């Protein structure tokens, strides 16, 4: 089903998931849930639909932290450094492959729950700057200024510029 897939640790850490195509929409969520190379989940289904509606030829789902959990609150308090570092490397490699990378920030308000989510966001912003990505959000920001998670969207919204620096 998906031809872009990278995982580790018995598939408990997922780095990339998507469909290749001309000019893919790179989407950065919070952490992976249940989607695999053969099985959809609601978030990935929405990401794929948004990519199609916005005219992208493919999409890649990435996350701030690669450890699977259906509820971010159940993730470990302590970061797994190998998972964290490998994830950032995989995201940077994916962005580096794109001529004009477009990144949809889709991590939602829960980004503040674990310090490592914010650490990943900040490190990605710094690491990816050299590729001059176009950062996007879908819909209005949350009341506290975070981009909405992909599972919380209306298809009536559009991808808009996102000032990640602020």
C-alpha atoms as a PDB file:
ATOM      1  CA  UNK A   1       0.000   0.000   0.000  1.00  0.00           C
ATOM      2  CA  UNK A   2       2.714   2.512   1.008  1.00  0.00           C
ATOM      3  CA  UNK A   3       6.040   2.484  -0.799  1.00  0.00           C
ATOM      4  CA  UNK A   4       7.780   4.899   1.579  1.00  0.00           C
ATOM      5  CA  UNK A   5       8.310   3.152   4.902  1.00  0.00           C
ATOM      6  CA  UNK A   6      11.035   3.072   7.486  1.00  0.00           C
ATOM      7  CA  UNK A   7      10.784   1.591  10.953  1.00  0.00           C
ATOM      8  CA  UNK A   8      12.928   0.010  13.634  1.00  0.00           C
ATOM      9  CA  UNK A   9      12.793  -1.827  16.952  1.00  0.00           C
ATOM     10  CA  UNK A  10      10.363  -4.485  15.753  1.00  0.00           C
ATOM     11  CA  UNK A  11       8.208  -1.808  14.069  1.00  0.00           C
ATOM     12  CA  UNK A  12       7.632  -0.065  17.411  1.00  0.00           C
ATOM     13  CA  UNK A  13       9.459   2.992  16.063  1.00  0.00           C
ATOM     14  CA  UNK A  14       8.191   4.366  12.768  1.00  0.00           C
ATOM     15  CA  UNK A  15      10.204   7.035  10.994  1.00  0.00           C
ATOM     16  CA  UNK A  16       8.548   7.432   7.591  1.00  0.00           C
ATOM     17  CA  UNK A  17       5.297   6.333   5.975  1.00  0.00           C
ATOM     18  CA  UNK A  18       3.871   7.503   2.689  1.00  0.00           C
ATOM     19  CA  UNK A  19       3.426   7.308  -1.042  1.00  0.00           C
ATOM     20  CA  UNK A  20       6.068   8.584  -3.401  1.00  0.00           C
ATOM     21  CA  UNK A  21       5.094  11.008  -6.079  1.00  0.00           C
ATOM     22  CA  UNK A  22       6.039  14.274  -7.660  1.00  0.00           C
ATOM     23  CA  UNK A  23       6.411  16.974  -5.004  1.00  0.00           C
ATOM     24  CA  UNK A  24       5.297  15.112  -1.857  1.00  0.00           C
ATOM     25  CA  UNK A  25       3.770  16.893   1.114  1.00  0.00           C
ATOM     26  CA  UNK A  26       5.992  16.202   4.117  1.00  0.00           C
ATOM     27  CA  UNK A  27       3.853  16.140   7.253  1.00  0.00           C
ATOM     28  CA  UNK A  28       5.258  16.254  10.768  1.00  0.00           C
ATOM     29  CA  UNK A  29       2.900  14.981  13.431  1.00  0.00           C
ATOM     30  CA  UNK A  30       3.489  14.206  17.088  1.00  0.00           C
ATOM     31  CA  UNK A  31       4.148  10.450  17.206  1.00  0.00           C
ATOM     32  CA  UNK A  32       3.030   7.461  15.125  1.00  0.00           C
ATOM     33  CA  UNK A  33      -0.029   5.476  16.056  1.00  0.00           C
ATOM     34  CA  UNK A  34      -1.096   2.223  14.383  1.00  0.00           C
ATOM     35  CA  UNK A  35      -0.556   2.805  10.649  1.00  0.00           C
ATOM     36  CA  UNK A  36       1.877   0.432   8.982  1.00  0.00           C
ATOM     37  CA  UNK A  37       3.016  -0.156   5.437  1.00  0.00           C
ATOM     38  CA  UNK A  38      -0.111  -2.267   4.860  1.00  0.00           C
ATOM     39  CA  UNK A  39      -2.670  -0.732   7.220  1.00  0.00           C
ATOM     40  CA  UNK A  40      -4.194   2.757   7.389  1.00  0.00           C
ATOM     41  CA  UNK A  41      -5.085   4.707  10.492  1.00  0.00           C
ATOM     42  CA  UNK A  42      -7.337   7.797  10.680  1.00  0.00           C
ATOM     43  CA  UNK A  43      -4.502  10.346  10.861  1.00  0.00           C
ATOM     44  CA  UNK A  44      -2.585   8.999   7.870  1.00  0.00           C
ATOM     45  CA  UNK A  45      -5.840   8.734   5.924  1.00  0.00           C
ATOM     46  CA  UNK A  46      -6.464  12.451   6.540  1.00  0.00           C
ATOM     47  CA  UNK A  47      -2.897  13.414   5.652  1.00  0.00           C
ATOM     48  CA  UNK A  48      -3.137  11.547   2.352  1.00  0.00           C
ATOM     49  CA  UNK A  49      -6.457  13.229   1.521  1.00  0.00           C
ATOM     50  CA  UNK A  50      -5.126  16.724   2.340  1.00  0.00           C
ATOM     51  CA  UNK A  51      -2.075  16.087   0.138  1.00  0.00           C
ATOM     52  CA  UNK A  52      -4.315  15.076  -2.786  1.00  0.00           C
ATOM     53  CA  UNK A  53      -6.705  18.007  -2.299  1.00  0.00           C
ATOM     54  CA  UNK A  54      -3.764  20.433  -2.178  1.00  0.00           C
ATOM     55  CA  UNK A  55      -2.312  19.090  -5.439  1.00  0.00           C
ATOM     56  CA  UNK A  56       0.679  17.154  -4.115  1.00  0.00           C
ATOM     57  CA  UNK A  57       1.730  14.024  -5.983  1.00  0.00           C
ATOM     58  CA  UNK A  58       2.527  12.089  -2.815  1.00  0.00           C
ATOM     59  CA  UNK A  59       2.957  12.469   0.923  1.00  0.00           C
ATOM     60  CA  UNK A  60       5.238  11.341   3.713  1.00  0.00           C
ATOM     61  CA  UNK A  61       4.113  11.131   7.323  1.00  0.00           C
ATOM     62  CA  UNK A  62       6.876  11.981   9.786  1.00  0.00           C
ATOM     63  CA  UNK A  63       6.695  12.672  13.520  1.00  0.00           C
ATOM     64  CA  UNK A  64       8.505  14.601  16.208  1.00  0.00           C
ATOM     65  CA  UNK A  65       9.073  11.341  18.097  1.00  0.00           C
ATOM     66  CA  UNK A  66       9.026   7.922  16.398  1.00  0.00           C
ATOM     67  CA  UNK A  67       7.759   5.728  19.228  1.00  0.00           C
ATOM     68  CA  UNK A  68       4.281   4.319  18.572  1.00  0.00           C
ATOM     69  CA  UNK A  69       1.433   5.113  20.952  1.00  0.00           C
ATOM     70  CA  UNK A  70      -2.272   5.608  20.358  1.00  0.00           C
ATOM     71  CA  UNK A  71      -2.238   8.174  23.190  1.00  0.00           C
ATOM     72  CA  UNK A  72       0.765  10.494  23.484  1.00  0.00           C
ATOM     73  CA  UNK A  73       0.280  10.615  27.279  1.00  0.00           C
ATOM     74  CA  UNK A  74       1.331   6.961  27.491  1.00  0.00           C
ATOM     75  CA  UNK A  75       4.729   7.587  25.900  1.00  0.00           C
ATOM     76  CA  UNK A  76       7.707   7.180  28.238  1.00  0.00           C
ATOM     77  CA  UNK A  77       8.745  10.239  30.217  1.00  0.00           C
ATOM     78  CA  UNK A  78      12.399   9.563  29.435  1.00  0.00           C
ATOM     79  CA  UNK A  79      13.520   9.959  25.844  1.00  0.00           C
ATOM     80  CA  UNK A  80      15.089   7.083  23.950  1.00  0.00           C
ATOM     81  CA  UNK A  81      18.124   8.865  22.518  1.00  0.00           C
ATOM     82  CA  UNK A  82      18.663   6.351  19.694  1.00  0.00           C
ATOM     83  CA  UNK A  83      15.041   6.654  18.553  1.00  0.00           C
ATOM     84  CA  UNK A  84      15.137  10.452  18.875  1.00  0.00           C
ATOM     85  CA  UNK A  85      18.408  10.972  16.988  1.00  0.00           C
ATOM     86  CA  UNK A  86      17.624   8.447  14.244  1.00  0.00           C
ATOM     87  CA  UNK A  87      14.227  10.076  13.719  1.00  0.00           C
ATOM     88  CA  UNK A  88      15.748  13.541  13.248  1.00  0.00           C
ATOM     89  CA  UNK A  89      18.306  12.090  10.815  1.00  0.00           C
ATOM     90  CA  UNK A  90      15.553  10.368   8.801  1.00  0.00           C
ATOM     91  CA  UNK A  91      13.483  13.560   8.626  1.00  0.00           C
ATOM     92  CA  UNK A  92      16.469  15.602   7.511  1.00  0.00           C
ATOM     93  CA  UNK A  93      17.331  13.021   4.833  1.00  0.00           C
ATOM     94  CA  UNK A  94      13.744  13.119   3.543  1.00  0.00           C
ATOM     95  CA  UNK A  95      13.731  16.923   3.382  1.00  0.00           C
ATOM     96  CA  UNK A  96      17.169  16.974   1.723  1.00  0.00           C
ATOM     97  CA  UNK A  97      15.806  14.817  -1.142  1.00  0.00           C
ATOM     98  CA  UNK A  98      13.218  17.448  -2.104  1.00  0.00           C
ATOM     99  CA  UNK A  99      13.974  20.248  -4.560  1.00  0.00           C
ATOM    100  CA  UNK A 100      11.473  22.600  -2.878  1.00  0.00           C
ATOM    101  CA  UNK A 101      10.362  20.949   0.365  1.00  0.00           C
ATOM    102  CA  UNK A 102       6.916  21.750   1.738  1.00  0.00           C
ATOM    103  CA  UNK A 103       6.425  20.765   5.367  1.00  0.00           C
ATOM    104  CA  UNK A 104       3.013  20.665   7.001  1.00  0.00           C
ATOM    105  CA  UNK A 105       3.439  21.228  10.743  1.00  0.00           C
ATOM    106  CA  UNK A 106       0.697  19.038  12.235  1.00  0.00           C
ATOM    107  CA  UNK A 107       1.698  18.195  15.794  1.00  0.00           C
ATOM    108  CA  UNK A 108      -1.103  19.933  17.673  1.00  0.00           C
ATOM    109  CA  UNK A 109      -1.379  21.338  21.167  1.00  0.00           C
ATOM    110  CA  UNK A 110      -0.019  18.149  22.838  1.00  0.00           C
ATOM    111  CA  UNK A 111       3.472  19.179  21.667  1.00  0.00           C
ATOM    112  CA  UNK A 112       3.882  20.720  25.141  1.00  0.00           C
ATOM    113  CA  UNK A 113       3.184  17.435  26.965  1.00  0.00           C
ATOM    114  CA  UNK A 114       6.699  15.969  26.713  1.00  0.00           C
ATOM    115  CA  UNK A 115       9.790  18.166  26.605  1.00  0.00           C
ATOM    116  CA  UNK A 116      11.277  15.975  23.898  1.00  0.00           C
ATOM    117  CA  UNK A 117       8.491  16.961  21.486  1.00  0.00           C
ATOM    118  CA  UNK A 118       9.508  20.611  21.783  1.00  0.00           C
ATOM    119  CA  UNK A 119      13.183  19.672  21.625  1.00  0.00           C
ATOM    120  CA  UNK A 120      12.588  17.772  18.374  1.00  0.00           C
ATOM    121  CA  UNK A 121      10.560  20.650  16.907  1.00  0.00           C
ATOM    122  CA  UNK A 122      13.289  23.144  17.727  1.00  0.00           C
ATOM    123  CA  UNK A 123      16.126  20.941  16.479  1.00  0.00           C
ATOM    124  CA  UNK A 124      14.257  20.244  13.242  1.00  0.00           C
ATOM    125  CA  UNK A 125      13.706  23.947  12.656  1.00  0.00           C
ATOM    126  CA  UNK A 126      17.455  24.542  13.007  1.00  0.00           C
ATOM    127  CA  UNK A 127      18.573  21.470  11.041  1.00  0.00           C
ATOM    128  CA  UNK A 128      16.160  21.975   8.154  1.00  0.00           C
ATOM    129  CA  UNK A 129      16.725  25.713   7.654  1.00  0.00           C
ATOM    130  CA  UNK A 130      19.534  25.065   5.151  1.00  0.00           C
ATOM    131  CA  UNK A 131      16.998  23.381   2.816  1.00  0.00           C
ATOM    132  CA  UNK A 132      14.719  26.460   2.880  1.00  0.00           C
ATOM    133  CA  UNK A 133      11.510  24.483   3.423  1.00  0.00           C
ATOM    134  CA  UNK A 134       8.138  26.111   3.057  1.00  0.00           C
ATOM    135  CA  UNK A 135       6.414  25.523   6.415  1.00  0.00           C
ATOM    136  CA  UNK A 136       2.630  25.187   6.337  1.00  0.00           C
ATOM    137  CA  UNK A 137      -0.250  24.723   8.754  1.00  0.00           C
ATOM    138  CA  UNK A 138      -3.752  23.483   8.022  1.00  0.00           C
ATOM    139  CA  UNK A 139      -6.490  25.632   9.501  1.00  0.00           C
ATOM    140  CA  UNK A 140      -6.142  28.184  12.255  1.00  0.00           C
ATOM    141  CA  UNK A 141      -3.575  27.801  15.011  1.00  0.00           C
ATOM    142  CA  UNK A 142      -4.724  26.555  18.402  1.00  0.00           C
ATOM    143  CA  UNK A 143      -5.511  29.140  21.098  1.00  0.00           C
ATOM    144  CA  UNK A 144      -1.924  28.765  22.331  1.00  0.00           C
ATOM    145  CA  UNK A 145      -0.387  29.205  18.869  1.00  0.00           C
ATOM    146  CA  UNK A 146       0.357  25.633  17.812  1.00  0.00           C
ATOM    147  CA  UNK A 147      -0.537  24.123  14.422  1.00  0.00           C
ATOM    148  CA  UNK A 148      -3.474  21.749  14.579  1.00  0.00           C
ATOM    149  CA  UNK A 149      -2.933  18.010  14.579  1.00  0.00           C
ATOM    150  CA  UNK A 150      -3.893  16.239  11.364  1.00  0.00           C
ATOM    151  CA  UNK A 151      -6.610  14.253  13.142  1.00  0.00           C
ATOM    152  CA  UNK A 152      -8.376  17.499  14.087  1.00  0.00           C
ATOM    153  CA  UNK A 153      -9.215  19.117  10.788  1.00  0.00           C
ATOM    154  CA  UNK A 154     -11.896  20.221   8.408  1.00  0.00           C
ATOM    155  CA  UNK A 155     -11.413  19.561   4.716  1.00  0.00           C
ATOM    156  CA  UNK A 156     -12.759  23.065   4.132  1.00  0.00           C
ATOM    157  CA  UNK A 157      -9.483  24.483   5.436  1.00  0.00           C
ATOM    158  CA  UNK A 158      -6.414  25.120   3.286  1.00  0.00           C
ATOM    159  CA  UNK A 159      -2.686  24.881   3.766  1.00  0.00           C
ATOM    160  CA  UNK A 160      -1.452  28.284   4.896  1.00  0.00           C
ATOM    161  CA  UNK A 161       2.040  29.601   5.669  1.00  0.00           C
ATOM    162  CA  UNK A 162       3.271  28.756   9.170  1.00  0.00           C
ATOM    163  CA  UNK A 163       5.864  30.944  10.882  1.00  0.00           C
ATOM    164  CA  UNK A 164       7.635  28.243  12.854  1.00  0.00           C
ATOM    165  CA  UNK A 165      10.191  30.744  14.119  1.00  0.00           C
ATOM    166  CA  UNK A 166       7.535  32.504  16.185  1.00  0.00           C
END
